[in-house]
Amino acid sequence: MPISHRKIEEGIVVEYSGELGHHEAKETMRYLENIIDLYAPRRLIFDLSKLTFMDSSGIAVVMCGYRNMRDIGASFFLKDVPPQPRKVLSAAGVDRIVRFTEGRVHNDEIAK
């Protein structure tokens, strides 16, 4: 599976690579939900730097992660979103709800 995670001082980074479409969405949502249940992190950073394609199913994955983190009073970020997925997310208005960040995430960026 093209998804992994690692603990960092600021929380959990979930890294995704490859395509995030209809076929990958359910498994990816379950992975995010399991990470959130297992660690209950204060911050989850979804690193999409190696994402090559996203369709509307990817929007559902992002919003699922966002809602689950919001429900436990925690922060959710999208990190290093490539141009094609960024267009998909922006067209759906996700960029008005979910925070996007580039490069290394610093504590002061995710303090809220």
PDB file of N, CA and C in Angstrom:
ATOM      1  N   MET A   1       0.840  -1.177   0.000  1.00  0.00           N
ATOM      2  CA  MET A   1       0.000   0.000   0.000  1.00  0.00           C
ATOM      3  C   MET A   1       0.887   1.244   0.000  1.00  0.00           C
ATOM      4  N   PRO A   2       0.498   2.265  -0.725  1.00  0.00           N
ATOM      5  CA  PRO A   2       1.339   3.459  -0.858  1.00  0.00           C
ATOM      6  C   PRO A   2       1.165   4.463   0.280  1.00  0.00           C
ATOM      7  N   ILE A   3       0.973   3.975   1.493  1.00  0.00           N
ATOM      8  CA  ILE A   3       0.745   4.868   2.620  1.00  0.00           C
ATOM      9  C   ILE A   3       1.540   4.382   3.820  1.00  0.00           C
ATOM     10  N   SER A   4       2.098   5.330   4.558  1.00  0.00           N
ATOM     11  CA  SER A   4       2.853   4.985   5.761  1.00  0.00           C
ATOM     12  C   SER A   4       2.720   6.158   6.728  1.00  0.00           C
ATOM     13  N   HIS A   5       3.188   5.951   7.940  1.00  0.00           N
ATOM     14  CA  HIS A   5       3.137   7.034   8.913  1.00  0.00           C
ATOM     15  C   HIS A   5       4.374   6.997   9.795  1.00  0.00           C
ATOM     16  N   ARG A   6       4.613   8.137  10.434  1.00  0.00           N
ATOM     17  CA  ARG A   6       5.708   8.220  11.394  1.00  0.00           C
ATOM     18  C   ARG A   6       5.339   9.247  12.445  1.00  0.00           C
ATOM     19  N   LYS A   7       5.828   8.999  13.639  1.00  0.00           N
ATOM     20  CA  LYS A   7       5.606   9.934  14.733  1.00  0.00           C
ATOM     21  C   LYS A   7       6.688  11.002  14.681  1.00  0.00           C
ATOM     22  N   ILE A   8       6.288  12.230  14.923  1.00  0.00           N
ATOM     23  CA  ILE A   8       7.224  13.334  15.062  1.00  0.00           C
ATOM     24  C   ILE A   8       6.812  14.095  16.319  1.00  0.00           C
ATOM     25  N   GLU A   9       7.643  15.010  16.736  1.00  0.00           N
ATOM     26  CA  GLU A   9       7.350  15.785  17.941  1.00  0.00           C
ATOM     27  C   GLU A   9       5.994  16.485  17.845  1.00  0.00           C
ATOM     28  N   GLU A  10       5.661  16.976  16.667  1.00  0.00           N
ATOM     29  CA  GLU A  10       4.437  17.740  16.470  1.00  0.00           C
ATOM     30  C   GLU A  10       3.194  16.877  16.332  1.00  0.00           C
ATOM     31  N   GLY A  11       3.339  15.555  16.171  1.00  0.00           N
ATOM     32  CA  GLY A  11       2.179  14.677  15.995  1.00  0.00           C
ATOM     33  C   GLY A  11       2.510  13.483  15.122  1.00  0.00           C
ATOM     34  N   ILE A  12       1.672  13.238  14.136  1.00  0.00           N
ATOM     35  CA  ILE A  12       1.841  12.114  13.214  1.00  0.00           C
ATOM     36  C   ILE A  12       1.878  12.663  11.792  1.00  0.00           C
ATOM     37  N   VAL A  13       2.808  12.161  11.006  1.00  0.00           N
ATOM     38  CA  VAL A  13       2.852  12.459   9.577  1.00  0.00           C
ATOM     39  C   VAL A  13       2.425  11.192   8.847  1.00  0.00           C
ATOM     40  N   VAL A  14       1.402  11.310   8.019  1.00  0.00           N
ATOM     41  CA  VAL A  14       0.967  10.223   7.158  1.00  0.00           C
ATOM     42  C   VAL A  14       1.407  10.595   5.755  1.00  0.00           C
ATOM     43  N   GLU A  15       2.194   9.707   5.140  1.00  0.00           N
ATOM     44  CA  GLU A  15       2.725   9.966   3.800  1.00  0.00           C
ATOM     45  C   GLU A  15       2.014   9.070   2.790  1.00  0.00           C
ATOM     46  N   TYR A  16       1.577   9.673   1.700  1.00  0.00           N
ATOM     47  CA  TYR A  16       0.868   8.941   0.654  1.00  0.00           C
ATOM     48  C   TYR A  16       1.606   9.113  -0.659  1.00  0.00           C
ATOM     49  N   SER A  17       1.688   8.043  -1.446  1.00  0.00           N
ATOM     50  CA  SER A  17       2.313   8.132  -2.765  1.00  0.00           C
ATOM     51  C   SER A  17       1.456   7.412  -3.794  1.00  0.00           C
ATOM     52  N   GLY A  18       1.574   7.845  -5.030  1.00  0.00           N
ATOM     53  CA  GLY A  18       0.817   7.225  -6.110  1.00  0.00           C
ATOM     54  C   GLY A  18      -0.502   7.924  -6.340  1.00  0.00           C
ATOM     55  N   GLU A  19      -1.493   7.171  -6.818  1.00  0.00           N
ATOM     56  CA  GLU A  19      -2.798   7.719  -7.146  1.00  0.00           C
ATOM     57  C   GLU A  19      -3.761   7.560  -5.982  1.00  0.00           C
ATOM     58  N   LEU A  20      -4.635   8.541  -5.827  1.00  0.00           N
ATOM     59  CA  LEU A  20      -5.676   8.479  -4.804  1.00  0.00           C
ATOM     60  C   LEU A  20      -7.010   8.706  -5.502  1.00  0.00           C
ATOM     61  N   GLY A  21      -7.572   7.593  -5.944  1.00  0.00           N
ATOM     62  CA  GLY A  21      -8.853   7.618  -6.653  1.00  0.00           C
ATOM     63  C   GLY A  21      -9.833   6.676  -5.990  1.00  0.00           C
ATOM     64  N   HIS A  22     -10.849   6.329  -6.719  1.00  0.00           N
ATOM     65  CA  HIS A  22     -11.933   5.478  -6.220  1.00  0.00           C
ATOM     66  C   HIS A  22     -11.420   4.177  -5.600  1.00  0.00           C
ATOM     67  N   HIS A  23     -10.493   3.524  -6.263  1.00  0.00           N
ATOM     68  CA  HIS A  23     -10.014   2.216  -5.803  1.00  0.00           C
ATOM     69  C   HIS A  23      -9.196   2.294  -4.517  1.00  0.00           C
ATOM     70  N   GLU A  24      -8.538   3.393  -4.284  1.00  0.00           N
ATOM     71  CA  GLU A  24      -7.675   3.537  -3.114  1.00  0.00           C
ATOM     72  C   GLU A  24      -8.355   4.235  -1.935  1.00  0.00           C
ATOM     73  N   ALA A  25      -9.484   4.879  -2.170  1.00  0.00           N
ATOM     74  CA  ALA A  25     -10.094   5.764  -1.170  1.00  0.00           C
ATOM     75  C   ALA A  25     -10.518   5.046   0.111  1.00  0.00           C
ATOM     76  N   LYS A  26     -11.265   3.961   0.017  1.00  0.00           N
ATOM     77  CA  LYS A  26     -11.767   3.296   1.230  1.00  0.00           C
ATOM     78  C   LYS A  26     -10.640   2.813   2.125  1.00  0.00           C
ATOM     79  N   GLU A  27      -9.647   2.190   1.527  1.00  0.00           N
ATOM     80  CA  GLU A  27      -8.520   1.681   2.304  1.00  0.00           C
ATOM     81  C   GLU A  27      -7.743   2.833   2.956  1.00  0.00           C
ATOM     82  N   THR A  28      -7.604   3.927   2.237  1.00  0.00           N
ATOM     83  CA  THR A  28      -6.893   5.083   2.778  1.00  0.00           C
ATOM     84  C   THR A  28      -7.673   5.715   3.925  1.00  0.00           C
ATOM     85  N   MET A  29      -8.994   5.832   3.777  1.00  0.00           N
ATOM     86  CA  MET A  29      -9.819   6.350   4.875  1.00  0.00           C
ATOM     87  C   MET A  29      -9.679   5.484   6.118  1.00  0.00           C
ATOM     88  N   ARG A  30      -9.731   4.181   5.927  1.00  0.00           N
ATOM     89  CA  ARG A  30      -9.582   3.262   7.068  1.00  0.00           C
ATOM     90  C   ARG A  30      -8.221   3.431   7.729  1.00  0.00           C
ATOM     91  N   TYR A  31      -7.181   3.589   6.931  1.00  0.00           N
ATOM     92  CA  TYR A  31      -5.833   3.784   7.463  1.00  0.00           C
ATOM     93  C   TYR A  31      -5.790   5.039   8.329  1.00  0.00           C
ATOM     94  N   LEU A  32      -6.304   6.148   7.805  1.00  0.00           N
ATOM     95  CA  LEU A  32      -6.321   7.396   8.574  1.00  0.00           C
ATOM     96  C   LEU A  32      -7.119   7.232   9.865  1.00  0.00           C
ATOM     97  N   GLU A  33      -8.286   6.613   9.784  1.00  0.00           N
ATOM     98  CA  GLU A  33      -9.109   6.407  10.973  1.00  0.00           C
ATOM     99  C   GLU A  33      -8.371   5.559  12.002  1.00  0.00           C
ATOM    100  N   ASN A  34      -7.680   4.519  11.551  1.00  0.00           N
ATOM    101  CA  ASN A  34      -6.922   3.665  12.473  1.00  0.00           C
ATOM    102  C   ASN A  34      -5.781   4.421  13.143  1.00  0.00           C
ATOM    103  N   ILE A  35      -5.084   5.254  12.391  1.00  0.00           N
ATOM    104  CA  ILE A  35      -3.990   6.058  12.958  1.00  0.00           C
ATOM    105  C   ILE A  35      -4.540   7.012  14.012  1.00  0.00           C
ATOM    106  N   ILE A  36      -5.649   7.645  13.698  1.00  0.00           N
ATOM    107  CA  ILE A  36      -6.260   8.582  14.641  1.00  0.00           C
ATOM    108  C   ILE A  36      -6.717   7.854  15.896  1.00  0.00           C
ATOM    109  N   ASP A  37      -7.347   6.696  15.733  1.00  0.00           N
ATOM    110  CA  ASP A  37      -7.794   5.908  16.893  1.00  0.00           C
ATOM    111  C   ASP A  37      -6.612   5.412  17.726  1.00  0.00           C
ATOM    112  N   LEU A  38      -5.557   4.978  17.062  1.00  0.00           N
ATOM    113  CA  LEU A  38      -4.398   4.412  17.752  1.00  0.00           C
ATOM    114  C   LEU A  38      -3.620   5.454  18.536  1.00  0.00           C
ATOM    115  N   TYR A  39      -3.350   6.597  17.927  1.00  0.00           N
ATOM    116  CA  TYR A  39      -2.480   7.599  18.542  1.00  0.00           C
ATOM    117  C   TYR A  39      -3.220   8.792  19.156  1.00  0.00           C
ATOM    118  N   ALA A  40      -4.439   9.045  18.712  1.00  0.00           N
ATOM    119  CA  ALA A  40      -5.168  10.262  19.114  1.00  0.00           C
ATOM    120  C   ALA A  40      -4.224  11.469  19.092  1.00  0.00           C
ATOM    121  N   PRO A  41      -3.599  11.730  17.938  1.00  0.00           N
ATOM    122  CA  PRO A  41      -2.601  12.807  17.878  1.00  0.00           C
ATOM    123  C   PRO A  41      -3.243  14.181  18.013  1.00  0.00           C
ATOM    124  N   ARG A  42      -2.487  15.130  18.493  1.00  0.00           N
ATOM    125  CA  ARG A  42      -2.951  16.521  18.543  1.00  0.00           C
ATOM    126  C   ARG A  42      -2.877  17.143  17.151  1.00  0.00           C
ATOM    127  N   ARG A  43      -1.985  16.602  16.307  1.00  0.00           N
ATOM    128  CA  ARG A  43      -1.836  17.100  14.946  1.00  0.00           C
ATOM    129  C   ARG A  43      -1.587  15.925  14.009  1.00  0.00           C
ATOM    130  N   LEU A  44      -2.269  15.961  12.864  1.00  0.00           N
ATOM    131  CA  LEU A  44      -2.016  14.967  11.826  1.00  0.00           C
ATOM    132  C   LEU A  44      -1.674  15.736  10.561  1.00  0.00           C
ATOM    133  N   ILE A  45      -0.528  15.425  10.005  1.00  0.00           N
ATOM    134  CA  ILE A  45      -0.034  16.067   8.793  1.00  0.00           C
ATOM    135  C   ILE A  45      -0.090  15.031   7.676  1.00  0.00           C
ATOM    136  N   PHE A  46      -0.928  15.267   6.673  1.00  0.00           N
ATOM    137  CA  PHE A  46      -1.107  14.347   5.561  1.00  0.00           C
ATOM    138  C   PHE A  46      -0.204  14.830   4.429  1.00  0.00           C
ATOM    139  N   ASP A  47       0.959  14.194   4.290  1.00  0.00           N
ATOM    140  CA  ASP A  47       1.980  14.577   3.309  1.00  0.00           C
ATOM    141  C   ASP A  47       1.618  13.966   1.955  1.00  0.00           C
ATOM    142  N   LEU A  48       1.313  14.824   1.007  1.00  0.00           N
ATOM    143  CA  LEU A  48       0.914  14.376  -0.328  1.00  0.00           C
ATOM    144  C   LEU A  48       1.978  14.671  -1.377  1.00  0.00           C
ATOM    145  N   SER A  49       3.195  14.908  -0.951  1.00  0.00           N
ATOM    146  CA  SER A  49       4.253  15.299  -1.879  1.00  0.00           C
ATOM    147  C   SER A  49       4.518  14.268  -2.976  1.00  0.00           C
ATOM    148  N   LYS A  50       4.199  13.014  -2.731  1.00  0.00           N
ATOM    149  CA  LYS A  50       4.438  11.961  -3.726  1.00  0.00           C
ATOM    150  C   LYS A  50       3.151  11.495  -4.398  1.00  0.00           C
ATOM    151  N   LEU A  51       2.088  12.258  -4.215  1.00  0.00           N
ATOM    152  CA  LEU A  51       0.810  11.950  -4.851  1.00  0.00           C
ATOM    153  C   LEU A  51       0.890  12.319  -6.326  1.00  0.00           C
ATOM    154  N   THR A  52       0.510  11.392  -7.204  1.00  0.00           N
ATOM    155  CA  THR A  52       0.597  11.643  -8.640  1.00  0.00           C
ATOM    156  C   THR A  52      -0.744  11.975  -9.277  1.00  0.00           C
ATOM    157  N   PHE A  53      -1.853  11.605  -8.619  1.00  0.00           N
ATOM    158  CA  PHE A  53      -3.184  11.855  -9.175  1.00  0.00           C
ATOM    159  C   PHE A  53      -4.211  11.787  -8.061  1.00  0.00           C
ATOM    160  N   MET A  54      -5.212  12.665  -8.136  1.00  0.00           N
ATOM    161  CA  MET A  54      -6.324  12.625  -7.199  1.00  0.00           C
ATOM    162  C   MET A  54      -7.605  12.955  -7.956  1.00  0.00           C
ATOM    163  N   ASP A  55      -8.684  12.233  -7.618  1.00  0.00           N
ATOM    164  CA  ASP A  55      -9.993  12.593  -8.150  1.00  0.00           C
ATOM    165  C   ASP A  55     -10.912  12.937  -6.988  1.00  0.00           C
ATOM    166  N   SER A  56     -12.195  12.986  -7.231  1.00  0.00           N
ATOM    167  CA  SER A  56     -13.135  13.390  -6.178  1.00  0.00           C
ATOM    168  C   SER A  56     -13.135  12.436  -4.989  1.00  0.00           C
ATOM    169  N   SER A  57     -12.735  11.206  -5.181  1.00  0.00           N
ATOM    170  CA  SER A  57     -12.630  10.272  -4.057  1.00  0.00           C
ATOM    171  C   SER A  57     -11.545  10.715  -3.084  1.00  0.00           C
ATOM    172  N   GLY A  58     -10.519  11.352  -3.596  1.00  0.00           N
ATOM    173  CA  GLY A  58      -9.468  11.892  -2.743  1.00  0.00           C
ATOM    174  C   GLY A  58      -9.981  13.015  -1.866  1.00  0.00           C
ATOM    175  N   ILE A  59     -10.925  13.795  -2.381  1.00  0.00           N
ATOM    176  CA  ILE A  59     -11.547  14.843  -1.574  1.00  0.00           C
ATOM    177  C   ILE A  59     -12.234  14.212  -0.367  1.00  0.00           C
ATOM    178  N   ALA A  60     -12.938  13.120  -0.597  1.00  0.00           N
ATOM    179  CA  ALA A  60     -13.626  12.422   0.499  1.00  0.00           C
ATOM    180  C   ALA A  60     -12.633  11.938   1.549  1.00  0.00           C
ATOM    181  N   VAL A  61     -11.484  11.444   1.116  1.00  0.00           N
ATOM    182  CA  VAL A  61     -10.447  10.982   2.051  1.00  0.00           C
ATOM    183  C   VAL A  61      -9.958  12.148   2.903  1.00  0.00           C
ATOM    184  N   VAL A  62      -9.648  13.253   2.264  1.00  0.00           N
ATOM    185  CA  VAL A  62      -9.149  14.424   2.990  1.00  0.00           C
ATOM    186  C   VAL A  62     -10.192  14.919   3.985  1.00  0.00           C
ATOM    187  N   MET A  63     -11.439  15.016   3.554  1.00  0.00           N
ATOM    188  CA  MET A  63     -12.481  15.519   4.445  1.00  0.00           C
ATOM    189  C   MET A  63     -12.766  14.553   5.592  1.00  0.00           C
ATOM    190  N   CYS A  64     -12.646  13.271   5.353  1.00  0.00           N
ATOM    191  CA  CYS A  64     -12.800  12.275   6.416  1.00  0.00           C
ATOM    192  C   CYS A  64     -11.714  12.477   7.477  1.00  0.00           C
ATOM    193  N   GLY A  65     -10.469  12.617   7.039  1.00  0.00           N
ATOM    194  CA  GLY A  65      -9.371  12.863   7.976  1.00  0.00           C
ATOM    195  C   GLY A  65      -9.570  14.153   8.733  1.00  0.00           C
ATOM    196  N   TYR A  66      -9.975  15.200   8.035  1.00  0.00           N
ATOM    197  CA  TYR A  66     -10.216  16.499   8.668  1.00  0.00           C
ATOM    198  C   TYR A  66     -11.310  16.394   9.738  1.00  0.00           C
ATOM    199  N   ARG A  67     -12.442  15.787   9.382  1.00  0.00           N
ATOM    200  CA  ARG A  67     -13.565  15.662  10.327  1.00  0.00           C
ATOM    201  C   ARG A  67     -13.189  14.834  11.547  1.00  0.00           C
ATOM    202  N   ASN A  68     -12.490  13.735  11.329  1.00  0.00           N
ATOM    203  CA  ASN A  68     -12.090  12.884  12.458  1.00  0.00           C
ATOM    204  C   ASN A  68     -11.165  13.621  13.416  1.00  0.00           C
ATOM    205  N   MET A  69     -10.241  14.400  12.872  1.00  0.00           N
ATOM    206  CA  MET A  69      -9.346  15.174  13.730  1.00  0.00           C
ATOM    207  C   MET A  69     -10.099  16.315  14.416  1.00  0.00           C
ATOM    208  N   ARG A  70     -10.962  16.982  13.701  1.00  0.00           N
ATOM    209  CA  ARG A  70     -11.766  18.057  14.298  1.00  0.00           C
ATOM    210  C   ARG A  70     -12.622  17.518  15.451  1.00  0.00           C
ATOM    211  N   ASP A  71     -13.172  16.321  15.264  1.00  0.00           N
ATOM    212  CA  ASP A  71     -14.040  15.732  16.279  1.00  0.00           C
ATOM    213  C   ASP A  71     -13.315  15.432  17.588  1.00  0.00           C
ATOM    214  N   ILE A  72     -11.990  15.249  17.524  1.00  0.00           N
ATOM    215  CA  ILE A  72     -11.240  15.018  18.768  1.00  0.00           C
ATOM    216  C   ILE A  72     -10.511  16.289  19.208  1.00  0.00           C
ATOM    217  N   GLY A  73     -10.843  17.400  18.573  1.00  0.00           N
ATOM    218  CA  GLY A  73     -10.254  18.691  18.953  1.00  0.00           C
ATOM    219  C   GLY A  73      -8.810  18.850  18.536  1.00  0.00           C
ATOM    220  N   ALA A  74      -8.447  18.215  17.431  1.00  0.00           N
ATOM    221  CA  ALA A  74      -7.058  18.230  16.977  1.00  0.00           C
ATOM    222  C   ALA A  74      -6.954  18.885  15.600  1.00  0.00           C
ATOM    223  N   SER A  75      -5.721  19.127  15.158  1.00  0.00           N
ATOM    224  CA  SER A  75      -5.446  19.816  13.893  1.00  0.00           C
ATOM    225  C   SER A  75      -5.121  18.824  12.776  1.00  0.00           C
ATOM    226  N   PHE A  76      -5.488  19.202  11.559  1.00  0.00           N
ATOM    227  CA  PHE A  76      -5.243  18.400  10.359  1.00  0.00           C
ATOM    228  C   PHE A  76      -4.678  19.317   9.287  1.00  0.00           C
ATOM    229  N   PHE A  77      -3.586  18.908   8.666  1.00  0.00           N
ATOM    230  CA  PHE A  77      -2.915  19.698   7.631  1.00  0.00           C
ATOM    231  C   PHE A  77      -2.650  18.848   6.405  1.00  0.00           C
ATOM    232  N   LEU A  78      -2.657  19.475   5.244  1.00  0.00           N
ATOM    233  CA  LEU A  78      -2.179  18.857   4.014  1.00  0.00           C
ATOM    234  C   LEU A  78      -0.831  19.481   3.719  1.00  0.00           C
ATOM    235  N   LYS A  79       0.159  18.643   3.463  1.00  0.00           N
ATOM    236  CA  LYS A  79       1.528  19.109   3.263  1.00  0.00           C
ATOM    237  C   LYS A  79       1.990  18.810   1.846  1.00  0.00           C
ATOM    238  N   ASP A  80       2.596  19.801   1.216  1.00  0.00           N
ATOM    239  CA  ASP A  80       3.243  19.647  -0.096  1.00  0.00           C
ATOM    240  C   ASP A  80       2.324  19.000  -1.136  1.00  0.00           C
ATOM    241  N   VAL A  81       1.186  19.631  -1.348  1.00  0.00           N
ATOM    242  CA  VAL A  81       0.207  19.105  -2.310  1.00  0.00           C
ATOM    243  C   VAL A  81       0.641  19.473  -3.728  1.00  0.00           C
ATOM    244  N   PRO A  82       0.835  18.475  -4.608  1.00  0.00           N
ATOM    245  CA  PRO A  82       1.234  18.750  -5.994  1.00  0.00           C
ATOM    246  C   PRO A  82       0.134  19.506  -6.759  1.00  0.00           C
ATOM    247  N   PRO A  83       0.486  20.097  -7.917  1.00  0.00           N
ATOM    248  CA  PRO A  83      -0.459  20.940  -8.665  1.00  0.00           C
ATOM    249  C   PRO A  83      -1.797  20.276  -9.029  1.00  0.00           C
ATOM    250  N   GLN A  84      -1.786  19.073  -9.581  1.00  0.00           N
ATOM    251  CA  GLN A  84      -3.055  18.457 -10.011  1.00  0.00           C
ATOM    252  C   GLN A  84      -3.987  18.210  -8.824  1.00  0.00           C
ATOM    253  N   PRO A  85      -3.523  17.571  -7.746  1.00  0.00           N
ATOM    254  CA  PRO A  85      -4.409  17.404  -6.590  1.00  0.00           C
ATOM    255  C   PRO A  85      -4.836  18.739  -5.969  1.00  0.00           C
ATOM    256  N   ARG A  86      -3.947  19.717  -5.986  1.00  0.00           N
ATOM    257  CA  ARG A  86      -4.293  21.043  -5.433  1.00  0.00           C
ATOM    258  C   ARG A  86      -5.460  21.650  -6.213  1.00  0.00           C
ATOM    259  N   LYS A  87      -5.453  21.498  -7.547  1.00  0.00           N
ATOM    260  CA  LYS A  87      -6.555  22.018  -8.363  1.00  0.00           C
ATOM    261  C   LYS A  87      -7.871  21.336  -7.999  1.00  0.00           C
ATOM    262  N   VAL A  88      -7.820  20.015  -7.824  1.00  0.00           N
ATOM    263  CA  VAL A  88      -9.020  19.258  -7.462  1.00  0.00           C
ATOM    264  C   VAL A  88      -9.550  19.723  -6.105  1.00  0.00           C
ATOM    265  N   LEU A  89      -8.666  19.842  -5.121  1.00  0.00           N
ATOM    266  CA  LEU A  89      -9.055  20.251  -3.776  1.00  0.00           C
ATOM    267  C   LEU A  89      -9.557  21.695  -3.756  1.00  0.00           C
ATOM    268  N   SER A  90      -8.885  22.566  -4.479  1.00  0.00           N
ATOM    269  CA  SER A  90      -9.291  23.972  -4.524  1.00  0.00           C
ATOM    270  C   SER A  90     -10.637  24.141  -5.224  1.00  0.00           C
ATOM    271  N   ALA A  91     -10.860  23.403  -6.303  1.00  0.00           N
ATOM    272  CA  ALA A  91     -12.135  23.484  -7.020  1.00  0.00           C
ATOM    273  C   ALA A  91     -13.304  23.081  -6.127  1.00  0.00           C
ATOM    274  N   ALA A  92     -13.049  22.178  -5.200  1.00  0.00           N
ATOM    275  CA  ALA A  92     -14.088  21.723  -4.263  1.00  0.00           C
ATOM    276  C   ALA A  92     -14.179  22.610  -3.022  1.00  0.00           C
ATOM    277  N   GLY A  93     -13.290  23.591  -2.893  1.00  0.00           N
ATOM    278  CA  GLY A  93     -13.316  24.490  -1.749  1.00  0.00           C
ATOM    279  C   GLY A  93     -12.641  23.948  -0.504  1.00  0.00           C
ATOM    280  N   VAL A  94     -11.927  22.854  -0.638  1.00  0.00           N
ATOM    281  CA  VAL A  94     -11.248  22.246   0.512  1.00  0.00           C
ATOM    282  C   VAL A  94     -10.194  23.183   1.083  1.00  0.00           C
ATOM    283  N   ASP A  95      -9.579  23.992   0.233  1.00  0.00           N
ATOM    284  CA  ASP A  95      -8.539  24.921   0.703  1.00  0.00           C
ATOM    285  C   ASP A  95      -9.099  26.019   1.613  1.00  0.00           C
ATOM    286  N   ARG A  96     -10.414  26.172   1.666  1.00  0.00           N
ATOM    287  CA  ARG A  96     -11.030  27.125   2.589  1.00  0.00           C
ATOM    288  C   ARG A  96     -11.312  26.493   3.954  1.00  0.00           C
ATOM    289  N   ILE A  97     -11.176  25.174   4.029  1.00  0.00           N
ATOM    290  CA  ILE A  97     -11.493  24.444   5.258  1.00  0.00           C
ATOM    291  C   ILE A  97     -10.248  23.844   5.895  1.00  0.00           C
ATOM    292  N   VAL A  98      -9.420  23.212   5.076  1.00  0.00           N
ATOM    293  CA  VAL A  98      -8.238  22.488   5.546  1.00  0.00           C
ATOM    294  C   VAL A  98      -7.000  23.351   5.296  1.00  0.00           C
ATOM    295  N   ARG A  99      -6.102  23.375   6.262  1.00  0.00           N
ATOM    296  CA  ARG A  99      -4.850  24.139   6.104  1.00  0.00           C
ATOM    297  C   ARG A  99      -3.859  23.389   5.227  1.00  0.00           C
ATOM    298  N   PHE A 100      -3.237  24.113   4.299  1.00  0.00           N
ATOM    299  CA  PHE A 100      -2.186  23.592   3.440  1.00  0.00           C
ATOM    300  C   PHE A 100      -0.869  24.172   3.944  1.00  0.00           C
ATOM    301  N   THR A 101       0.188  23.377   3.897  1.00  0.00           N
ATOM    302  CA  THR A 101       1.502  23.857   4.285  1.00  0.00           C
ATOM    303  C   THR A 101       2.537  23.280   3.320  1.00  0.00           C
ATOM    304  N   GLU A 102       3.659  23.944   3.228  1.00  0.00           N
ATOM    305  CA  GLU A 102       4.739  23.522   2.335  1.00  0.00           C
ATOM    306  C   GLU A 102       6.012  23.332   3.140  1.00  0.00           C
ATOM    307  N   GLY A 103       6.846  22.387   2.713  1.00  0.00           N
ATOM    308  CA  GLY A 103       8.134  22.165   3.357  1.00  0.00           C
ATOM    309  C   GLY A 103       7.989  21.611   4.761  1.00  0.00           C
ATOM    310  N   ARG A 104       8.999  21.830   5.560  1.00  0.00           N
ATOM    311  CA  ARG A 104       8.993  21.322   6.932  1.00  0.00           C
ATOM    312  C   ARG A 104       7.938  22.058   7.744  1.00  0.00           C
ATOM    313  N   VAL A 105       7.189  21.313   8.519  1.00  0.00           N
ATOM    314  CA  VAL A 105       6.155  21.895   9.363  1.00  0.00           C
ATOM    315  C   VAL A 105       6.771  22.245  10.703  1.00  0.00           C
ATOM    316  N   HIS A 106       6.664  23.502  11.088  1.00  0.00           N
ATOM    317  CA  HIS A 106       7.229  23.980  12.354  1.00  0.00           C
ATOM    318  C   HIS A 106       6.136  24.105  13.394  1.00  0.00           C
ATOM    319  N   ASN A 107       6.534  23.989  14.664  1.00  0.00           N
ATOM    320  CA  ASN A 107       5.570  24.077  15.757  1.00  0.00           C
ATOM    321  C   ASN A 107       4.731  25.335  15.693  1.00  0.00           C
ATOM    322  N   ASP A 108       5.324  26.477  15.358  1.00  0.00           N
ATOM    323  CA  ASP A 108       4.575  27.732  15.360  1.00  0.00           C
ATOM    324  C   ASP A 108       3.495  27.748  14.258  1.00  0.00           C
ATOM    325  N   GLU A 109       3.684  26.965  13.182  1.00  0.00           N
ATOM    326  CA  GLU A 109       2.689  26.895  12.121  1.00  0.00           C
ATOM    327  C   GLU A 109       1.461  26.107  12.559  1.00  0.00           C
ATOM    328  N   ILE A 110       1.667  25.160  13.460  1.00  0.00           N
ATOM    329  CA  ILE A 110       0.585  24.244  13.824  1.00  0.00           C
ATOM    330  C   ILE A 110       0.167  24.417  15.272  1.00  0.00           C
ATOM    331  N   ALA A 111       0.406  25.584  15.814  1.00  0.00           N
ATOM    332  CA  ALA A 111       0.132  25.813  17.226  1.00  0.00           C
ATOM    333  C   ALA A 111      -1.361  25.836  17.530  1.00  0.00           C
ATOM    334  N   LYS A 112      -2.185  26.113  16.550  1.00  0.00           N
ATOM    335  CA  LYS A 112      -3.612  26.216  16.870  1.00  0.00           C
ATOM    336  C   LYS A 112      -4.307  24.896  17.005  1.00  0.00           C
TER     337      LYS A 112
END
